[in-house]
Amino acid sequence: MNCASPRRSPAGCRLRDTAKLNDISYETARSHLKNIFSKLGVNSQVALVRRLIP
């Protein structure tokens, strides 16, 4: 799967692929995602998408 352009987390892209596209480590991407989860009060990527899409 082609994961589109850098600086994004395209739908269908694994976190590892997104990290690579953005030239950051997987652990850094994971940390950013966990911080976003915490700030939005969610605990999964599915819940995050549901929270962001009205």
PDB file of N, CA and C in Angstrom:
ATOM      1  N   MET A   1       0.839  -1.198   0.000  1.00  0.00           N
ATOM      2  CA  MET A   1       0.000   0.000   0.000  1.00  0.00           C
ATOM      3  C   MET A   1       0.873   1.247   0.000  1.00  0.00           C
ATOM      4  N   ASN A   2       0.563   2.179  -0.862  1.00  0.00           N
ATOM      5  CA  ASN A   2       1.257   3.452  -0.889  1.00  0.00           C
ATOM      6  C   ASN A   2       0.599   4.359   0.141  1.00  0.00           C
ATOM      7  N   CYS A   3       1.393   4.900   1.028  1.00  0.00           N
ATOM      8  CA  CYS A   3       0.840   5.676   2.134  1.00  0.00           C
ATOM      9  C   CYS A   3       0.889   7.181   1.901  1.00  0.00           C
ATOM     10  N   ALA A   4       0.764   7.596   0.660  1.00  0.00           N
ATOM     11  CA  ALA A   4       0.624   9.010   0.284  1.00  0.00           C
ATOM     12  C   ALA A   4       1.812   9.863   0.683  1.00  0.00           C
ATOM     13  N   SER A   5       1.551  11.110   1.066  1.00  0.00           N
ATOM     14  CA  SER A   5       2.631  12.070   1.280  1.00  0.00           C
ATOM     15  C   SER A   5       3.073  12.160   2.733  1.00  0.00           C
ATOM     16  N   PRO A   6       4.291  12.638   2.952  1.00  0.00           N
ATOM     17  CA  PRO A   6       4.801  12.826   4.312  1.00  0.00           C
ATOM     18  C   PRO A   6       3.994  13.863   5.091  1.00  0.00           C
ATOM     19  N   ARG A   7       4.223  13.880   6.377  1.00  0.00           N
ATOM     20  CA  ARG A   7       3.591  14.821   7.315  1.00  0.00           C
ATOM     21  C   ARG A   7       2.108  14.553   7.508  1.00  0.00           C
ATOM     22  N   ARG A   8       1.688  13.356   7.156  1.00  0.00           N
ATOM     23  CA  ARG A   8       0.295  12.970   7.349  1.00  0.00           C
ATOM     24  C   ARG A   8       0.238  11.564   7.884  1.00  0.00           C
ATOM     25  N   SER A   9      -0.913  11.204   8.377  1.00  0.00           N
ATOM     26  CA  SER A   9      -1.152   9.828   8.784  1.00  0.00           C
ATOM     27  C   SER A   9      -2.329   9.327   7.962  1.00  0.00           C
ATOM     28  N   PRO A  10      -2.063   8.942   6.734  1.00  0.00           N
ATOM     29  CA  PRO A  10      -3.146   8.560   5.820  1.00  0.00           C
ATOM     30  C   PRO A  10      -3.958   7.373   6.313  1.00  0.00           C
ATOM     31  N   ALA A  11      -5.223   7.367   5.977  1.00  0.00           N
ATOM     32  CA  ALA A  11      -6.090   6.241   6.324  1.00  0.00           C
ATOM     33  C   ALA A  11      -5.518   4.965   5.739  1.00  0.00           C
ATOM     34  N   GLY A  12      -5.523   3.928   6.513  1.00  0.00           N
ATOM     35  CA  GLY A  12      -5.029   2.646   6.051  1.00  0.00           C
ATOM     36  C   GLY A  12      -3.534   2.451   6.245  1.00  0.00           C
ATOM     37  N   CYS A  13      -2.843   3.454   6.712  1.00  0.00           N
ATOM     38  CA  CYS A  13      -1.401   3.374   6.923  1.00  0.00           C
ATOM     39  C   CYS A  13      -1.109   2.896   8.339  1.00  0.00           C
ATOM     40  N   ARG A  14      -0.143   1.993   8.450  1.00  0.00           N
ATOM     41  CA  ARG A  14       0.278   1.563   9.782  1.00  0.00           C
ATOM     42  C   ARG A  14       1.108   2.673  10.417  1.00  0.00           C
ATOM     43  N   LEU A  15       1.115   2.718  11.731  1.00  0.00           N
ATOM     44  CA  LEU A  15       1.873   3.737  12.452  1.00  0.00           C
ATOM     45  C   LEU A  15       3.348   3.672  12.076  1.00  0.00           C
ATOM     46  N   ARG A  16       3.873   2.478  11.906  1.00  0.00           N
ATOM     47  CA  ARG A  16       5.283   2.303  11.520  1.00  0.00           C
ATOM     48  C   ARG A  16       5.553   2.964  10.160  1.00  0.00           C
ATOM     49  N   ASP A  17       4.622   2.815   9.216  1.00  0.00           N
ATOM     50  CA  ASP A  17       4.769   3.433   7.897  1.00  0.00           C
ATOM     51  C   ASP A  17       4.679   4.952   7.985  1.00  0.00           C
ATOM     52  N   THR A  18       3.740   5.436   8.782  1.00  0.00           N
ATOM     53  CA  THR A  18       3.579   6.874   8.966  1.00  0.00           C
ATOM     54  C   THR A  18       4.831   7.486   9.580  1.00  0.00           C
ATOM     55  N   ALA A  19       5.407   6.812  10.559  1.00  0.00           N
ATOM     56  CA  ALA A  19       6.645   7.289  11.180  1.00  0.00           C
ATOM     57  C   ALA A  19       7.761   7.384  10.147  1.00  0.00           C
ATOM     58  N   LYS A  20       7.881   6.357   9.338  1.00  0.00           N
ATOM     59  CA  LYS A  20       8.925   6.341   8.306  1.00  0.00           C
ATOM     60  C   LYS A  20       8.727   7.489   7.318  1.00  0.00           C
ATOM     61  N   LEU A  21       7.479   7.731   6.900  1.00  0.00           N
ATOM     62  CA  LEU A  21       7.190   8.829   5.969  1.00  0.00           C
ATOM     63  C   LEU A  21       7.553  10.191   6.560  1.00  0.00           C
ATOM     64  N   ASN A  22       7.451  10.301   7.875  1.00  0.00           N
ATOM     65  CA  ASN A  22       7.711  11.573   8.547  1.00  0.00           C
ATOM     66  C   ASN A  22       9.111  11.663   9.140  1.00  0.00           C
ATOM     67  N   ASP A  23       9.957  10.680   8.806  1.00  0.00           N
ATOM     68  CA  ASP A  23      11.350  10.664   9.274  1.00  0.00           C
ATOM     69  C   ASP A  23      11.477  10.752  10.794  1.00  0.00           C
ATOM     70  N   ILE A  24      10.610  10.024  11.489  1.00  0.00           N
ATOM     71  CA  ILE A  24      10.713   9.909  12.941  1.00  0.00           C
ATOM     72  C   ILE A  24      10.687   8.430  13.295  1.00  0.00           C
ATOM     73  N   SER A  25      11.118   8.110  14.498  1.00  0.00           N
ATOM     74  CA  SER A  25      11.115   6.706  14.911  1.00  0.00           C
ATOM     75  C   SER A  25       9.688   6.258  15.226  1.00  0.00           C
ATOM     76  N   TYR A  26       9.498   4.953  15.177  1.00  0.00           N
ATOM     77  CA  TYR A  26       8.207   4.377  15.530  1.00  0.00           C
ATOM     78  C   TYR A  26       7.832   4.767  16.956  1.00  0.00           C
ATOM     79  N   GLU A  27       8.800   4.718  17.872  1.00  0.00           N
ATOM     80  CA  GLU A  27       8.511   5.050  19.273  1.00  0.00           C
ATOM     81  C   GLU A  27       8.103   6.511  19.439  1.00  0.00           C
ATOM     82  N   THR A  28       8.699   7.409  18.665  1.00  0.00           N
ATOM     83  CA  THR A  28       8.305   8.823  18.709  1.00  0.00           C
ATOM     84  C   THR A  28       6.876   8.981  18.201  1.00  0.00           C
ATOM     85  N   ALA A  29       6.555   8.322  17.096  1.00  0.00           N
ATOM     86  CA  ALA A  29       5.189   8.379  16.557  1.00  0.00           C
ATOM     87  C   ALA A  29       4.197   7.828  17.565  1.00  0.00           C
ATOM     88  N   ARG A  30       4.573   6.731  18.203  1.00  0.00           N
ATOM     89  CA  ARG A  30       3.710   6.102  19.211  1.00  0.00           C
ATOM     90  C   ARG A  30       3.482   7.046  20.393  1.00  0.00           C
ATOM     91  N   SER A  31       4.538   7.727  20.805  1.00  0.00           N
ATOM     92  CA  SER A  31       4.435   8.686  21.905  1.00  0.00           C
ATOM     93  C   SER A  31       3.496   9.840  21.535  1.00  0.00           C
ATOM     94  N   HIS A  32       3.640  10.363  20.321  1.00  0.00           N
ATOM     95  CA  HIS A  32       2.759  11.440  19.866  1.00  0.00           C
ATOM     96  C   HIS A  32       1.308  10.976  19.862  1.00  0.00           C
ATOM     97  N   LEU A  33       1.076   9.766  19.354  1.00  0.00           N
ATOM     98  CA  LEU A  33      -0.274   9.231  19.291  1.00  0.00           C
ATOM     99  C   LEU A  33      -0.864   9.054  20.697  1.00  0.00           C
ATOM    100  N   LYS A  34      -0.064   8.558  21.626  1.00  0.00           N
ATOM    101  CA  LYS A  34      -0.532   8.394  23.009  1.00  0.00           C
ATOM    102  C   LYS A  34      -0.881   9.743  23.630  1.00  0.00           C
ATOM    103  N   ASN A  35      -0.097  10.783  23.333  1.00  0.00           N
ATOM    104  CA  ASN A  35      -0.394  12.123  23.850  1.00  0.00           C
ATOM    105  C   ASN A  35      -1.703  12.658  23.275  1.00  0.00           C
ATOM    106  N   ILE A  36      -1.939  12.402  21.998  1.00  0.00           N
ATOM    107  CA  ILE A  36      -3.195  12.818  21.367  1.00  0.00           C
ATOM    108  C   ILE A  36      -4.369  12.082  22.009  1.00  0.00           C
ATOM    109  N   PHE A  37      -4.210  10.770  22.215  1.00  0.00           N
ATOM    110  CA  PHE A  37      -5.252   9.986  22.889  1.00  0.00           C
ATOM    111  C   PHE A  37      -5.590  10.595  24.237  1.00  0.00           C
ATOM    112  N   SER A  38      -4.565  10.903  25.005  1.00  0.00           N
ATOM    113  CA  SER A  38      -4.753  11.451  26.351  1.00  0.00           C
ATOM    114  C   SER A  38      -5.501  12.786  26.309  1.00  0.00           C
ATOM    115  N   LYS A  39      -5.078  13.669  25.422  1.00  0.00           N
ATOM    116  CA  LYS A  39      -5.697  14.992  25.325  1.00  0.00           C
ATOM    117  C   LYS A  39      -7.159  14.923  24.891  1.00  0.00           C
ATOM    118  N   LEU A  40      -7.488  13.933  24.056  1.00  0.00           N
ATOM    119  CA  LEU A  40      -8.862  13.816  23.561  1.00  0.00           C
ATOM    120  C   LEU A  40      -9.707  12.838  24.365  1.00  0.00           C
ATOM    121  N   GLY A  41      -9.094  12.178  25.330  1.00  0.00           N
ATOM    122  CA  GLY A  41      -9.836  11.260  26.181  1.00  0.00           C
ATOM    123  C   GLY A  41     -10.278   9.989  25.475  1.00  0.00           C
ATOM    124  N   VAL A  42      -9.437   9.480  24.566  1.00  0.00           N
ATOM    125  CA  VAL A  42      -9.739   8.239  23.856  1.00  0.00           C
ATOM    126  C   VAL A  42      -8.620   7.236  24.127  1.00  0.00           C
ATOM    127  N   ASN A  43      -8.869   5.961  23.772  1.00  0.00           N
ATOM    128  CA  ASN A  43      -7.836   4.960  24.023  1.00  0.00           C
ATOM    129  C   ASN A  43      -7.593   4.024  22.845  1.00  0.00           C
ATOM    130  N   SER A  44      -8.078   4.401  21.667  1.00  0.00           N
ATOM    131  CA  SER A  44      -7.812   3.595  20.475  1.00  0.00           C
ATOM    132  C   SER A  44      -7.892   4.486  19.239  1.00  0.00           C
ATOM    133  N   GLN A  45      -7.309   4.000  18.142  1.00  0.00           N
ATOM    134  CA  GLN A  45      -7.360   4.766  16.905  1.00  0.00           C
ATOM    135  C   GLN A  45      -8.793   4.845  16.370  1.00  0.00           C
ATOM    136  N   VAL A  46      -9.568   3.805  16.590  1.00  0.00           N
ATOM    137  CA  VAL A  46     -10.977   3.820  16.171  1.00  0.00           C
ATOM    138  C   VAL A  46     -11.727   4.911  16.937  1.00  0.00           C
ATOM    139  N   ALA A  47     -11.518   4.971  18.246  1.00  0.00           N
ATOM    140  CA  ALA A  47     -12.176   5.998  19.061  1.00  0.00           C
ATOM    141  C   ALA A  47     -11.708   7.401  18.647  1.00  0.00           C
ATOM    142  N   LEU A  48     -10.442   7.526  18.286  1.00  0.00           N
ATOM    143  CA  LEU A  48      -9.905   8.810  17.835  1.00  0.00           C
ATOM    144  C   LEU A  48     -10.623   9.270  16.566  1.00  0.00           C
ATOM    145  N   VAL A  49     -10.767   8.392  15.599  1.00  0.00           N
ATOM    146  CA  VAL A  49     -11.445   8.729  14.348  1.00  0.00           C
ATOM    147  C   VAL A  49     -12.900   9.103  14.625  1.00  0.00           C
ATOM    148  N   ARG A  50     -13.550   8.338  15.474  1.00  0.00           N
ATOM    149  CA  ARG A  50     -14.962   8.649  15.817  1.00  0.00           C
ATOM    150  C   ARG A  50     -15.079  10.009  16.480  1.00  0.00           C
ATOM    151  N   ARG A  51     -14.074  10.360  17.273  1.00  0.00           N
ATOM    152  CA  ARG A  51     -14.073  11.654  17.983  1.00  0.00           C
ATOM    153  C   ARG A  51     -13.842  12.811  17.014  1.00  0.00           C
ATOM    154  N   LEU A  52     -13.025  12.578  15.988  1.00  0.00           N
ATOM    155  CA  LEU A  52     -12.659  13.644  15.062  1.00  0.00           C
ATOM    156  C   LEU A  52     -13.650  13.858  13.929  1.00  0.00           C
ATOM    157  N   ILE A  53     -14.399  12.807  13.582  1.00  0.00           N
ATOM    158  CA  ILE A  53     -15.373  12.922  12.491  1.00  0.00           C
ATOM    159  C   ILE A  53     -16.760  13.136  13.097  1.00  0.00           C
ATOM    160  N   PRO A  54     -17.355  14.298  12.782  1.00  0.00           N
ATOM    161  CA  PRO A  54     -18.670  14.597  13.367  1.00  0.00           C
ATOM    162  C   PRO A  54     -19.769  13.688  12.863  1.00  0.00           C
TER     163      PRO A  54
END
